[in-house]
């Protein structure tokens, strides 16, 4: 994965606007490793292969970044994104990592199921 360049991400977001896509959205504050430090509160959210289409999307911030996707019924929002999988050309795969390199958030969009 490579650091996010917002203008490149915005181009992909614009290209995928209005298409039927599958969404993967994951957030964790350490739920996978809470056994290592029980004093840290943990939280997580996970959704995969949810069908979605958005009418408007944007990336903002100066890093870490935020991505918002406006759907017919509301918003999808992910904050803390730092990296993108540069080898993906048909899917948008972004992740946010903490200072230790651990995953804290992931937002992925694809025309095919994950």
Protein backbone atom coordinates (compact mmCIF):
# COMPACT_ATOMS: atom_id res chain seq x y z
CA UNK A 1 0.00 0.00 0.00
CA UNK A 2 1.08 3.54 -0.75
CA UNK A 3 0.21 6.87 0.88
CA UNK A 4 -2.99 8.43 -0.39
CA UNK A 5 -2.82 11.17 -3.01
CA UNK A 6 -6.26 12.81 -2.65
CA UNK A 7 -6.57 13.91 -6.28
CA UNK A 8 -6.06 10.30 -7.46
CA UNK A 9 -8.68 9.01 -5.02
CA UNK A 10 -11.17 11.71 -6.08
CA UNK A 11 -10.74 10.62 -9.71
CA UNK A 12 -11.65 7.03 -8.80
CA UNK A 13 -14.56 8.13 -6.59
CA UNK A 14 -15.92 10.22 -9.47
CA UNK A 15 -15.50 7.31 -11.92
CA UNK A 16 -17.52 4.97 -9.66
CA UNK A 17 -20.37 7.44 -9.02
CA UNK A 18 -23.79 6.04 -9.90
CA UNK A 19 -22.63 2.44 -10.28
CA UNK A 20 -23.89 -0.59 -8.37
CA UNK A 21 -20.99 -1.45 -6.07
CA UNK A 22 -20.10 -3.62 -3.12
CA UNK A 23 -18.86 -1.94 0.02
CA UNK A 24 -16.48 -3.17 2.69
CA UNK A 25 -16.15 -0.88 5.71
CA UNK A 26 -14.22 -1.82 8.81
CA UNK A 27 -13.24 0.14 11.90
CA UNK A 28 -11.34 -1.01 14.98
CA UNK A 29 -9.72 0.72 17.91
CA UNK A 30 -7.87 -2.43 18.82
CA UNK A 31 -10.59 -5.03 19.16
CA UNK A 32 -8.33 -7.63 17.58
CA UNK A 33 -5.67 -7.19 20.25
CA UNK A 34 -7.57 -6.13 23.37
CA UNK A 35 -6.12 -9.08 25.23
CA UNK A 36 -2.73 -7.32 25.15
CA UNK A 37 -3.92 -4.19 26.97
CA UNK A 38 -7.19 -4.52 28.84
CA UNK A 39 -7.07 -0.85 29.89
CA UNK A 40 -7.76 0.32 26.34
CA UNK A 41 -11.43 0.46 25.43
CA UNK A 42 -12.17 -1.38 22.25
CA UNK A 43 -14.69 -0.70 19.53
CA UNK A 44 -15.18 -2.14 16.09
CA UNK A 45 -17.57 -2.11 13.16
CA UNK A 46 -17.58 -4.40 10.16
CA UNK A 47 -19.74 -4.55 7.05
CA UNK A 48 -18.85 -6.41 3.89
CA UNK A 49 -20.47 -6.95 0.50
CA UNK A 50 -23.22 -4.43 1.15
CA UNK A 51 -24.73 -3.29 -2.15
CA UNK A 52 -24.42 0.46 -2.55
CA UNK A 53 -24.64 3.19 -5.14
CA UNK A 54 -23.74 6.79 -4.41
CA UNK A 55 -24.66 10.03 -6.12
CA UNK A 56 -21.76 12.10 -4.81
CA UNK A 57 -18.47 11.26 -3.17
CA UNK A 58 -15.47 13.19 -1.98
CA UNK A 59 -12.18 12.90 -0.15
CA UNK A 60 -11.11 15.67 2.22
CA UNK A 61 -8.55 16.50 4.85
CA UNK A 62 -4.80 16.85 4.86
CA UNK A 63 -4.01 13.34 6.03
CA UNK A 64 -5.32 11.21 7.47
CA UNK A 65 -8.20 11.63 5.05
CA UNK A 66 -11.99 11.41 5.17
CA UNK A 67 -14.16 9.91 2.44
CA UNK A 68 -17.89 10.58 2.28
CA UNK A 69 -20.33 8.91 -0.11
CA UNK A 70 -23.88 10.32 -0.51
CA UNK A 71 -26.44 7.59 -1.17
CA UNK A 72 -30.14 7.91 -1.91
CA UNK A 73 -30.91 7.21 1.76
CA UNK A 74 -28.03 8.81 3.64
CA UNK A 75 -24.26 8.95 3.94
CA UNK A 76 -21.36 6.52 4.22
CA UNK A 77 -18.37 8.07 5.92
CA UNK A 78 -14.87 6.86 6.84
CA UNK A 79 -12.20 8.90 8.57
CA UNK A 80 -8.55 8.15 9.29
CA UNK A 81 -7.58 6.82 5.85
CA UNK A 82 -3.86 6.93 5.12
CA UNK A 83 -3.06 4.40 2.38
CA UNK A 84 -4.39 2.98 -0.88
CA UNK A 85 -3.64 -0.28 -2.67
CA UNK A 86 -1.86 1.03 -5.76
CA UNK A 87 -2.07 -2.37 -7.50
CA UNK A 88 -5.86 -2.26 -7.69
CA UNK A 89 -7.32 -0.81 -10.86
CA UNK A 90 -10.89 -2.14 -10.73
CA UNK A 91 -11.42 -1.72 -6.98
CA UNK A 92 -10.77 1.13 -4.58
CA UNK A 93 -9.07 -0.25 -1.46
CA UNK A 94 -8.10 2.26 1.21
CA UNK A 95 -6.90 1.76 4.77
CA UNK A 96 -5.89 3.81 7.75
CA UNK A 97 -3.04 2.69 9.98
CA UNK A 98 -2.00 3.91 13.41
CA UNK A 99 1.53 4.98 14.37
CA UNK A 100 2.46 1.32 14.89
CA UNK A 101 1.20 0.34 11.44
CA UNK A 102 -1.90 -1.45 12.73
CA UNK A 103 -5.16 -1.25 10.80
CA UNK A 104 -7.72 1.12 12.28
CA UNK A 105 -10.07 1.70 9.33
CA UNK A 106 -10.69 0.24 5.89
CA UNK A 107 -12.99 1.43 3.11
CA UNK A 108 -13.26 -0.61 -0.05
CA UNK A 109 -15.47 -0.34 -3.14
CA UNK A 110 -15.76 -2.88 -5.94
CA UNK A 111 -18.05 -3.92 -8.78
CA UNK A 112 -17.49 -7.53 -7.64
CA UNK A 113 -18.06 -9.01 -4.19
CA UNK A 114 -15.08 -9.14 -1.85
